[in-house]
């Protein structure tokens, strides 16, 4: 694991278990809440997410095991408080592309970011309509989709420039009471020329086929398969109740098909 004060950099070869732990959707949400709102207890996070405190406690301990979070200063001795160790999680796309697990993680992470963008748009519209945002936010807010022709080097330069400017502006507005949290999503996805693109029907499945693994999600086993990446139960924490067993003990496939929320990881 490479890291600095603000960033956790994941390596697909050395951080395989940490990557797997981070693919659970509730863990991503919990990590994001700690990063955005500061230290909290399992009960406080349960209230925010609609989960039970047993479930949030379990997943917080998994995040702690892989050094995404750590115990914070406690207000009293009754319940643990947790804090995020970094403000964002990052990785090298080139390194991730070299392994199957890395490719799967990055693809799922990007799709989670798109989902977060959709939720953020709905929230923005609702906040504006309800008067929770001032009219000064109407003009600068929005989404743009451009298609410039760039080289790989130019696309890299563009991302570096945006990241540098964003860091500068964030520091400048840190203590300004007019500042609000802004969901900022930037995408640079090169597309091959049409003559190199795969035919539209190339990845279609035949009409008659055996159900895929994900189609069996509703057939829950009597007991969830334990995940070797998860910590042993802590006697100090309550065991997840039956209603939480699906989220607290998902099988290996479930853990490999969900990834990150831009609100949570801020890549």
C-alpha atoms as a PDB file:
ATOM      1  CA  UNK A   1       0.000   0.000   0.000  1.00  0.00           C
ATOM      2  CA  UNK A   2       1.295   3.426  -0.977  1.00  0.00           C
ATOM      3  CA  UNK A   3      -0.250   6.343   0.849  1.00  0.00           C
ATOM      4  CA  UNK A   4       0.221   9.879   2.023  1.00  0.00           C
ATOM      5  CA  UNK A   5      -1.732  12.044   4.409  1.00  0.00           C
ATOM      6  CA  UNK A   6      -4.649  12.534   2.050  1.00  0.00           C
ATOM      7  CA  UNK A   7      -4.588   9.663  -0.443  1.00  0.00           C
ATOM      8  CA  UNK A   8      -4.720   5.873  -0.287  1.00  0.00           C
ATOM      9  CA  UNK A   9      -3.187   4.397  -3.439  1.00  0.00           C
ATOM     10  CA  UNK A  10      -4.215   0.805  -4.123  1.00  0.00           C
ATOM     11  CA  UNK A  11      -2.009  -1.682  -5.936  1.00  0.00           C
ATOM     12  CA  UNK A  12      -3.808  -4.697  -7.482  1.00  0.00           C
ATOM     13  CA  UNK A  13      -0.918  -7.044  -6.742  1.00  0.00           C
ATOM     14  CA  UNK A  14      -0.273  -6.094  -3.112  1.00  0.00           C
ATOM     15  CA  UNK A  15      -3.753  -4.983  -2.065  1.00  0.00           C
ATOM     16  CA  UNK A  16      -5.877  -7.821  -3.419  1.00  0.00           C
ATOM     17  CA  UNK A  17      -7.746  -8.387  -0.164  1.00  0.00           C
ATOM     18  CA  UNK A  18      -8.235  -4.657   0.400  1.00  0.00           C
ATOM     19  CA  UNK A  19      -9.665  -4.311  -3.107  1.00  0.00           C
ATOM     20  CA  UNK A  20     -12.078  -7.126  -2.432  1.00  0.00           C
ATOM     21  CA  UNK A  21     -13.117  -5.606   0.880  1.00  0.00           C
ATOM     22  CA  UNK A  22     -13.777  -2.293  -0.827  1.00  0.00           C
ATOM     23  CA  UNK A  23     -16.179  -3.719  -3.407  1.00  0.00           C
ATOM     24  CA  UNK A  24     -19.037  -4.079  -0.918  1.00  0.00           C
ATOM     25  CA  UNK A  25     -21.564  -1.255  -1.525  1.00  0.00           C
ATOM     26  CA  UNK A  26     -22.332  -0.570   2.136  1.00  0.00           C
ATOM     27  CA  UNK A  27     -18.627  -0.330   2.978  1.00  0.00           C
ATOM     28  CA  UNK A  28     -18.202   2.204   0.201  1.00  0.00           C
ATOM     29  CA  UNK A  29     -21.109   4.227   1.557  1.00  0.00           C
ATOM     30  CA  UNK A  30     -19.800   4.100   5.129  1.00  0.00           C
ATOM     31  CA  UNK A  31     -16.331   5.180   4.038  1.00  0.00           C
ATOM     32  CA  UNK A  32     -17.805   8.078   2.101  1.00  0.00           C
ATOM     33  CA  UNK A  33     -19.911   9.253   5.034  1.00  0.00           C
ATOM     34  CA  UNK A  34     -16.882   9.246   7.323  1.00  0.00           C
ATOM     35  CA  UNK A  35     -14.879  11.205   4.764  1.00  0.00           C
ATOM     36  CA  UNK A  36     -17.597  13.739   4.148  1.00  0.00           C
ATOM     37  CA  UNK A  37     -19.043  14.231   7.638  1.00  0.00           C
ATOM     38  CA  UNK A  38     -16.221  13.231   9.965  1.00  0.00           C
ATOM     39  CA  UNK A  39     -16.014  10.647  12.778  1.00  0.00           C
ATOM     40  CA  UNK A  40     -19.132   8.688  13.696  1.00  0.00           C
ATOM     41  CA  UNK A  41     -20.299   5.613  15.548  1.00  0.00           C
ATOM     42  CA  UNK A  42     -21.863   2.510  14.038  1.00  0.00           C
ATOM     43  CA  UNK A  43     -25.244   3.608  15.416  1.00  0.00           C
ATOM     44  CA  UNK A  44     -24.979   7.068  13.886  1.00  0.00           C
ATOM     45  CA  UNK A  45     -24.043   5.575  10.521  1.00  0.00           C
ATOM     46  CA  UNK A  46     -26.865   3.042  10.805  1.00  0.00           C
ATOM     47  CA  UNK A  47     -29.329   5.913  11.148  1.00  0.00           C
ATOM     48  CA  UNK A  48     -27.895   7.577   8.033  1.00  0.00           C
ATOM     49  CA  UNK A  49     -27.914   4.437   5.888  1.00  0.00           C
ATOM     50  CA  UNK A  50     -31.056   2.694   7.122  1.00  0.00           C
ATOM     51  CA  UNK A  51     -29.034  -0.364   8.162  1.00  0.00           C
ATOM     52  CA  UNK A  52     -28.862  -1.891  11.632  1.00  0.00           C
ATOM     53  CA  UNK A  53     -25.995  -0.967  13.954  1.00  0.00           C
ATOM     54  CA  UNK A  54     -24.915  -4.627  13.931  1.00  0.00           C
ATOM     55  CA  UNK A  55     -24.463  -4.508  10.164  1.00  0.00           C
ATOM     56  CA  UNK A  56     -22.645  -1.159  10.107  1.00  0.00           C
ATOM     57  CA  UNK A  57     -20.394  -2.266  12.977  1.00  0.00           C
ATOM     58  CA  UNK A  58     -19.410  -5.397  11.059  1.00  0.00           C
ATOM     59  CA  UNK A  59     -18.535  -3.529   7.877  1.00  0.00           C
ATOM     60  CA  UNK A  60     -16.694  -0.774   9.737  1.00  0.00           C
ATOM     61  CA  UNK A  61     -14.428  -3.407  11.266  1.00  0.00           C
ATOM     62  CA  UNK A  62     -13.670  -4.759   7.784  1.00  0.00           C
ATOM     63  CA  UNK A  63     -12.729  -1.261   6.605  1.00  0.00           C
ATOM     64  CA  UNK A  64     -10.518  -0.871   9.665  1.00  0.00           C
ATOM     65  CA  UNK A  65      -8.808  -4.206   9.028  1.00  0.00           C
ATOM     66  CA  UNK A  66      -7.583  -2.927   5.655  1.00  0.00           C
ATOM     67  CA  UNK A  67      -6.595   0.526   6.946  1.00  0.00           C
ATOM     68  CA  UNK A  68      -9.299   2.598   5.286  1.00  0.00           C
ATOM     69  CA  UNK A  69     -10.540   3.801   8.675  1.00  0.00           C
ATOM     70  CA  UNK A  70      -9.381   3.746  12.301  1.00  0.00           C
ATOM     71  CA  UNK A  71     -10.842   4.335  15.732  1.00  0.00           C
ATOM     72  CA  UNK A  72     -11.317   8.001  16.582  1.00  0.00           C
ATOM     73  CA  UNK A  73     -11.403   9.739  19.924  1.00  0.00           C
ATOM     74  CA  UNK A  74     -14.435   8.529  21.859  1.00  0.00           C
ATOM     75  CA  UNK A  75     -16.952  10.852  23.439  1.00  0.00           C
ATOM     76  CA  UNK A  76     -17.614   8.205  26.065  1.00  0.00           C
ATOM     77  CA  UNK A  77     -16.706   4.585  26.696  1.00  0.00           C
ATOM     78  CA  UNK A  78     -19.949   3.080  25.461  1.00  0.00           C
ATOM     79  CA  UNK A  79     -19.430   2.981  21.708  1.00  0.00           C
ATOM     80  CA  UNK A  80     -16.554   3.161  19.228  1.00  0.00           C
ATOM     81  CA  UNK A  81     -16.168   6.155  16.976  1.00  0.00           C
ATOM     82  CA  UNK A  82     -14.519   5.733  13.598  1.00  0.00           C
ATOM     83  CA  UNK A  83     -12.657   8.137  11.309  1.00  0.00           C
ATOM     84  CA  UNK A  84     -11.437   7.925   7.731  1.00  0.00           C
ATOM     85  CA  UNK A  85      -7.667   7.717   7.318  1.00  0.00           C
ATOM     86  CA  UNK A  86      -7.599   9.381   3.885  1.00  0.00           C
ATOM     87  CA  UNK A  87      -9.735  11.829   1.938  1.00  0.00           C
ATOM     88  CA  UNK A  88      -9.639   9.800  -1.262  1.00  0.00           C
ATOM     89  CA  UNK A  89      -8.732   6.434  -2.730  1.00  0.00           C
ATOM     90  CA  UNK A  90      -6.724   6.263  -5.937  1.00  0.00           C
ATOM     91  CA  UNK A  91      -4.983   3.776  -8.209  1.00  0.00           C
ATOM     92  CA  UNK A  92      -3.024   3.445 -11.419  1.00  0.00           C
ATOM     93  CA  UNK A  93      -5.299   2.519 -14.323  1.00  0.00           C
ATOM     94  CA  UNK A  94      -2.336   0.851 -16.043  1.00  0.00           C
ATOM     95  CA  UNK A  95      -1.621  -1.340 -13.023  1.00  0.00           C
ATOM     96  CA  UNK A  96      -5.282  -2.236 -12.616  1.00  0.00           C
ATOM     97  CA  UNK A  97      -5.583  -3.152 -16.285  1.00  0.00           C
ATOM     98  CA  UNK A  98      -2.876  -5.792 -15.827  1.00  0.00           C
ATOM     99  CA  UNK A  99      -5.035  -8.045 -13.626  1.00  0.00           C
ATOM    100  CA  UNK A 100      -8.533  -9.440 -14.005  1.00  0.00           C
ATOM    101  CA  UNK A 101      -9.481  -8.347 -10.493  1.00  0.00           C
ATOM    102  CA  UNK A 102      -8.140  -4.868 -11.143  1.00  0.00           C
ATOM    103  CA  UNK A 103     -10.085  -4.512 -14.384  1.00  0.00           C
ATOM    104  CA  UNK A 104     -13.275  -5.634 -12.688  1.00  0.00           C
ATOM    105  CA  UNK A 105     -12.765  -3.235  -9.799  1.00  0.00           C
ATOM    106  CA  UNK A 106     -12.154  -0.201 -12.021  1.00  0.00           C
ATOM    107  CA  UNK A 107     -15.134  -0.989 -14.256  1.00  0.00           C
ATOM    108  CA  UNK A 108     -17.438  -1.341 -11.297  1.00  0.00           C
ATOM    109  CA  UNK A 109     -16.020   1.760  -9.650  1.00  0.00           C
ATOM    110  CA  UNK A 110     -16.786   3.828 -12.728  1.00  0.00           C
ATOM    111  CA  UNK A 111     -20.327   2.537 -12.923  1.00  0.00           C
ATOM    112  CA  UNK A 112     -20.863   3.404  -9.281  1.00  0.00           C
ATOM    113  CA  UNK A 113     -19.710   6.938 -10.097  1.00  0.00           C
ATOM    114  CA  UNK A 114     -22.304   7.177 -12.853  1.00  0.00           C
ATOM    115  CA  UNK A 115     -24.975   6.015 -10.416  1.00  0.00           C
ATOM    116  CA  UNK A 116     -23.818   8.641  -7.951  1.00  0.00           C
ATOM    117  CA  UNK A 117     -24.054  11.318 -10.629  1.00  0.00           C
ATOM    118  CA  UNK A 118     -27.679  10.368 -11.289  1.00  0.00           C
ATOM    119  CA  UNK A 119     -28.522  10.526  -7.574  1.00  0.00           C
ATOM    120  CA  UNK A 120     -26.693  13.826  -7.221  1.00  0.00           C
ATOM    121  CA  UNK A 121     -28.630  15.368 -10.115  1.00  0.00           C
ATOM    122  CA  UNK A 122     -31.927  14.359  -8.517  1.00  0.00           C
ATOM    123  CA  UNK A 123     -30.827  15.763  -5.167  1.00  0.00           C
ATOM    124  CA  UNK A 124     -29.607  19.015  -6.742  1.00  0.00           C
ATOM    125  CA  UNK A 125     -32.942  19.547  -8.483  1.00  0.00           C
ATOM    126  CA  UNK A 126     -34.857  18.804  -5.288  1.00  0.00           C
ATOM    127  CA  UNK A 127     -32.643  21.101  -3.184  1.00  0.00           C
ATOM    128  CA  UNK A 128     -33.043  23.931  -5.681  1.00  0.00           C
ATOM    129  CA  UNK A 129     -36.817  23.504  -5.877  1.00  0.00           C
ATOM    130  CA  UNK A 130     -37.134  23.436  -2.084  1.00  0.00           C
ATOM    131  CA  UNK A 131     -35.023  26.559  -1.611  1.00  0.00           C
ATOM    132  CA  UNK A 132     -32.189  24.747   0.138  1.00  0.00           C
ATOM    133  CA  UNK A 133     -29.795  26.180  -2.458  1.00  0.00           C
ATOM    134  CA  UNK A 134     -29.604  29.851  -3.341  1.00  0.00           C
ATOM    135  CA  UNK A 135     -30.164  31.177  -6.847  1.00  0.00           C
ATOM    136  CA  UNK A 136     -26.442  31.957  -7.136  1.00  0.00           C
ATOM    137  CA  UNK A 137     -25.918  28.251  -7.801  1.00  0.00           C
ATOM    138  CA  UNK A 138     -28.226  28.098 -10.832  1.00  0.00           C
ATOM    139  CA  UNK A 139     -25.878  29.601 -13.416  1.00  0.00           C
ATOM    140  CA  UNK A 140     -22.604  27.792 -12.576  1.00  0.00           C
ATOM    141  CA  UNK A 141     -24.213  24.363 -12.080  1.00  0.00           C
ATOM    142  CA  UNK A 142     -24.616  21.856 -14.870  1.00  0.00           C
ATOM    143  CA  UNK A 143     -23.286  18.940 -16.870  1.00  0.00           C
ATOM    144  CA  UNK A 144     -21.382  19.157 -20.140  1.00  0.00           C
ATOM    145  CA  UNK A 145     -20.513  16.426 -22.634  1.00  0.00           C
ATOM    146  CA  UNK A 146     -17.844  17.415 -25.143  1.00  0.00           C
ATOM    147  CA  UNK A 147     -15.985  15.263 -27.680  1.00  0.00           C
ATOM    148  CA  UNK A 148     -12.616  16.896 -28.409  1.00  0.00           C
ATOM    149  CA  UNK A 149      -9.924  15.088 -30.396  1.00  0.00           C
ATOM    150  CA  UNK A 150      -6.928  14.642 -28.084  1.00  0.00           C
ATOM    151  CA  UNK A 151      -3.817  12.518 -27.826  1.00  0.00           C
ATOM    152  CA  UNK A 152      -3.265  10.326 -24.779  1.00  0.00           C
ATOM    153  CA  UNK A 153      -0.675  12.830 -23.565  1.00  0.00           C
ATOM    154  CA  UNK A 154      -3.135  15.701 -23.917  1.00  0.00           C
ATOM    155  CA  UNK A 155      -5.841  13.831 -22.020  1.00  0.00           C
ATOM    156  CA  UNK A 156      -3.364  13.213 -19.204  1.00  0.00           C
ATOM    157  CA  UNK A 157      -2.436  16.895 -19.198  1.00  0.00           C
ATOM    158  CA  UNK A 158      -6.112  17.855 -19.069  1.00  0.00           C
ATOM    159  CA  UNK A 159      -6.772  15.700 -16.002  1.00  0.00           C
ATOM    160  CA  UNK A 160      -3.633  16.997 -14.278  1.00  0.00           C
ATOM    161  CA  UNK A 161      -4.644  20.594 -14.978  1.00  0.00           C
ATOM    162  CA  UNK A 162      -8.173  20.081 -13.667  1.00  0.00           C
ATOM    163  CA  UNK A 163      -6.884  18.312 -10.557  1.00  0.00           C
ATOM    164  CA  UNK A 164      -4.391  21.086  -9.840  1.00  0.00           C
ATOM    165  CA  UNK A 165      -6.959  23.847 -10.292  1.00  0.00           C
ATOM    166  CA  UNK A 166      -9.505  22.001  -8.164  1.00  0.00           C
ATOM    167  CA  UNK A 167      -6.974  21.635  -5.350  1.00  0.00           C
ATOM    168  CA  UNK A 168      -6.193  25.353  -5.558  1.00  0.00           C
ATOM    169  CA  UNK A 169      -9.850  26.421  -5.450  1.00  0.00           C
ATOM    170  CA  UNK A 170     -10.711  23.976  -2.652  1.00  0.00           C
ATOM    171  CA  UNK A 171      -7.950  25.432  -0.492  1.00  0.00           C
ATOM    172  CA  UNK A 172      -9.068  28.970  -1.291  1.00  0.00           C
ATOM    173  CA  UNK A 173     -12.715  28.296  -0.356  1.00  0.00           C
ATOM    174  CA  UNK A 174     -12.036  26.079   2.663  1.00  0.00           C
ATOM    175  CA  UNK A 175     -13.094  28.702   5.227  1.00  0.00           C
ATOM    176  CA  UNK A 176     -15.648  30.559   3.100  1.00  0.00           C
ATOM    177  CA  UNK A 177     -19.145  30.210   4.626  1.00  0.00           C
ATOM    178  CA  UNK A 178     -20.678  30.501   1.154  1.00  0.00           C
ATOM    179  CA  UNK A 179     -19.032  27.243   0.016  1.00  0.00           C
ATOM    180  CA  UNK A 180     -21.094  24.063  -0.408  1.00  0.00           C
ATOM    181  CA  UNK A 181     -20.180  20.475  -1.224  1.00  0.00           C
ATOM    182  CA  UNK A 182     -20.044  20.176  -5.011  1.00  0.00           C
ATOM    183  CA  UNK A 183     -20.256  16.864  -6.851  1.00  0.00           C
ATOM    184  CA  UNK A 184     -17.660  17.180  -9.601  1.00  0.00           C
ATOM    185  CA  UNK A 185     -17.391  14.304 -12.075  1.00  0.00           C
ATOM    186  CA  UNK A 186     -14.923  14.377 -14.981  1.00  0.00           C
ATOM    187  CA  UNK A 187     -14.695  11.655 -17.600  1.00  0.00           C
ATOM    188  CA  UNK A 188     -12.207  11.121 -20.403  1.00  0.00           C
ATOM    189  CA  UNK A 189     -13.138   8.039 -22.385  1.00  0.00           C
ATOM    190  CA  UNK A 190     -11.467   7.667 -25.810  1.00  0.00           C
ATOM    191  CA  UNK A 191     -13.572   5.907 -28.448  1.00  0.00           C
ATOM    192  CA  UNK A 192     -12.109   3.885 -31.293  1.00  0.00           C
ATOM    193  CA  UNK A 193     -12.939   4.956 -34.832  1.00  0.00           C
ATOM    194  CA  UNK A 194     -16.071   3.233 -36.213  1.00  0.00           C
ATOM    195  CA  UNK A 195     -14.070   0.929 -38.489  1.00  0.00           C
ATOM    196  CA  UNK A 196     -12.314  -0.496 -35.394  1.00  0.00           C
ATOM    197  CA  UNK A 197     -15.381  -0.798 -33.201  1.00  0.00           C
ATOM    198  CA  UNK A 198     -16.912  -4.191 -32.499  1.00  0.00           C
ATOM    199  CA  UNK A 199     -20.202  -5.014 -34.312  1.00  0.00           C
ATOM    200  CA  UNK A 200     -23.255  -4.104 -32.252  1.00  0.00           C
ATOM    201  CA  UNK A 201     -24.367  -7.734 -32.094  1.00  0.00           C
ATOM    202  CA  UNK A 202     -20.940  -9.127 -31.195  1.00  0.00           C
ATOM    203  CA  UNK A 203     -21.625  -9.508 -27.495  1.00  0.00           C
ATOM    204  CA  UNK A 204     -25.251 -10.566 -27.681  1.00  0.00           C
ATOM    205  CA  UNK A 205     -26.084 -13.840 -26.003  1.00  0.00           C
ATOM    206  CA  UNK A 206     -28.058 -16.577 -27.710  1.00  0.00           C
ATOM    207  CA  UNK A 207     -31.739 -16.545 -26.789  1.00  0.00           C
ATOM    208  CA  UNK A 208     -31.554 -19.939 -25.098  1.00  0.00           C
ATOM    209  CA  UNK A 209     -28.900 -20.026 -22.426  1.00  0.00           C
ATOM    210  CA  UNK A 210     -28.367 -21.261 -18.940  1.00  0.00           C
ATOM    211  CA  UNK A 211     -29.048 -18.681 -16.204  1.00  0.00           C
ATOM    212  CA  UNK A 212     -25.960 -16.691 -15.317  1.00  0.00           C
ATOM    213  CA  UNK A 213     -24.688 -16.563 -11.772  1.00  0.00           C
ATOM    214  CA  UNK A 214     -26.185 -13.134 -11.152  1.00  0.00           C
ATOM    215  CA  UNK A 215     -29.624 -14.464 -12.081  1.00  0.00           C
ATOM    216  CA  UNK A 216     -29.484 -16.698  -9.032  1.00  0.00           C
ATOM    217  CA  UNK A 217     -29.121 -13.823  -6.582  1.00  0.00           C
ATOM    218  CA  UNK A 218     -32.614 -14.398  -5.203  1.00  0.00           C
ATOM    219  CA  UNK A 219     -31.774 -17.966  -4.223  1.00  0.00           C
ATOM    220  CA  UNK A 220     -30.034 -17.218  -0.957  1.00  0.00           C
ATOM    221  CA  UNK A 221     -28.195 -20.114   0.727  1.00  0.00           C
ATOM    222  CA  UNK A 222     -29.124 -21.016   4.264  1.00  0.00           C
ATOM    223  CA  UNK A 223     -25.774 -19.755   5.488  1.00  0.00           C
ATOM    224  CA  UNK A 224     -23.649 -17.131   3.697  1.00  0.00           C
ATOM    225  CA  UNK A 225     -20.226 -18.177   2.513  1.00  0.00           C
ATOM    226  CA  UNK A 226     -17.617 -16.642   4.848  1.00  0.00           C
ATOM    227  CA  UNK A 227     -15.264 -14.197   3.193  1.00  0.00           C
ATOM    228  CA  UNK A 228     -11.589 -14.760   4.054  1.00  0.00           C
ATOM    229  CA  UNK A 229     -11.069 -10.996   3.713  1.00  0.00           C
ATOM    230  CA  UNK A 230     -13.401 -10.334   6.632  1.00  0.00           C
ATOM    231  CA  UNK A 231     -12.216 -10.170  10.250  1.00  0.00           C
ATOM    232  CA  UNK A 232     -13.128 -12.681  12.908  1.00  0.00           C
ATOM    233  CA  UNK A 233     -16.170 -11.670  14.985  1.00  0.00           C
ATOM    234  CA  UNK A 234     -15.441  -9.277  17.825  1.00  0.00           C
ATOM    235  CA  UNK A 235     -17.154 -10.315  21.093  1.00  0.00           C
ATOM    236  CA  UNK A 236     -17.622  -6.613  21.874  1.00  0.00           C
ATOM    237  CA  UNK A 237     -19.800  -6.137  18.811  1.00  0.00           C
ATOM    238  CA  UNK A 238     -23.331  -7.532  18.474  1.00  0.00           C
ATOM    239  CA  UNK A 239     -23.697 -10.221  15.844  1.00  0.00           C
ATOM    240  CA  UNK A 240     -25.663  -9.194  12.752  1.00  0.00           C
ATOM    241  CA  UNK A 241     -29.304 -10.199  13.025  1.00  0.00           C
ATOM    242  CA  UNK A 242     -30.844 -12.454  10.334  1.00  0.00           C
ATOM    243  CA  UNK A 243     -32.145  -9.457   8.390  1.00  0.00           C
ATOM    244  CA  UNK A 244     -28.582  -8.239   7.968  1.00  0.00           C
ATOM    245  CA  UNK A 245     -27.004 -11.526   6.974  1.00  0.00           C
ATOM    246  CA  UNK A 246     -27.212 -10.791   3.275  1.00  0.00           C
ATOM    247  CA  UNK A 247     -25.272  -7.539   3.596  1.00  0.00           C
ATOM    248  CA  UNK A 248     -22.951  -8.735   6.366  1.00  0.00           C
ATOM    249  CA  UNK A 249     -22.048 -12.066   4.767  1.00  0.00           C
ATOM    250  CA  UNK A 250     -22.402 -11.694   1.035  1.00  0.00           C
ATOM    251  CA  UNK A 251     -20.872 -14.363  -1.140  1.00  0.00           C
ATOM    252  CA  UNK A 252     -17.717 -13.832  -3.124  1.00  0.00           C
ATOM    253  CA  UNK A 253     -19.573 -13.015  -6.332  1.00  0.00           C
ATOM    254  CA  UNK A 254     -21.591 -10.226  -4.698  1.00  0.00           C
ATOM    255  CA  UNK A 255     -18.393  -8.722  -3.330  1.00  0.00           C
ATOM    256  CA  UNK A 256     -16.884  -8.713  -6.797  1.00  0.00           C
ATOM    257  CA  UNK A 257     -19.760  -6.939  -8.535  1.00  0.00           C
ATOM    258  CA  UNK A 258     -20.185  -3.727  -6.603  1.00  0.00           C
ATOM    259  CA  UNK A 259     -17.735  -0.927  -6.200  1.00  0.00           C
ATOM    260  CA  UNK A 260     -17.479   2.657  -5.441  1.00  0.00           C
ATOM    261  CA  UNK A 261     -19.524   5.748  -5.006  1.00  0.00           C
ATOM    262  CA  UNK A 262     -17.994   9.013  -6.034  1.00  0.00           C
ATOM    263  CA  UNK A 263     -19.382  10.399  -2.811  1.00  0.00           C
ATOM    264  CA  UNK A 264     -17.378   7.728  -1.031  1.00  0.00           C
ATOM    265  CA  UNK A 265     -14.077   7.374  -2.750  1.00  0.00           C
ATOM    266  CA  UNK A 266     -13.547  10.682  -4.495  1.00  0.00           C
ATOM    267  CA  UNK A 267     -11.003   9.230  -6.961  1.00  0.00           C
END
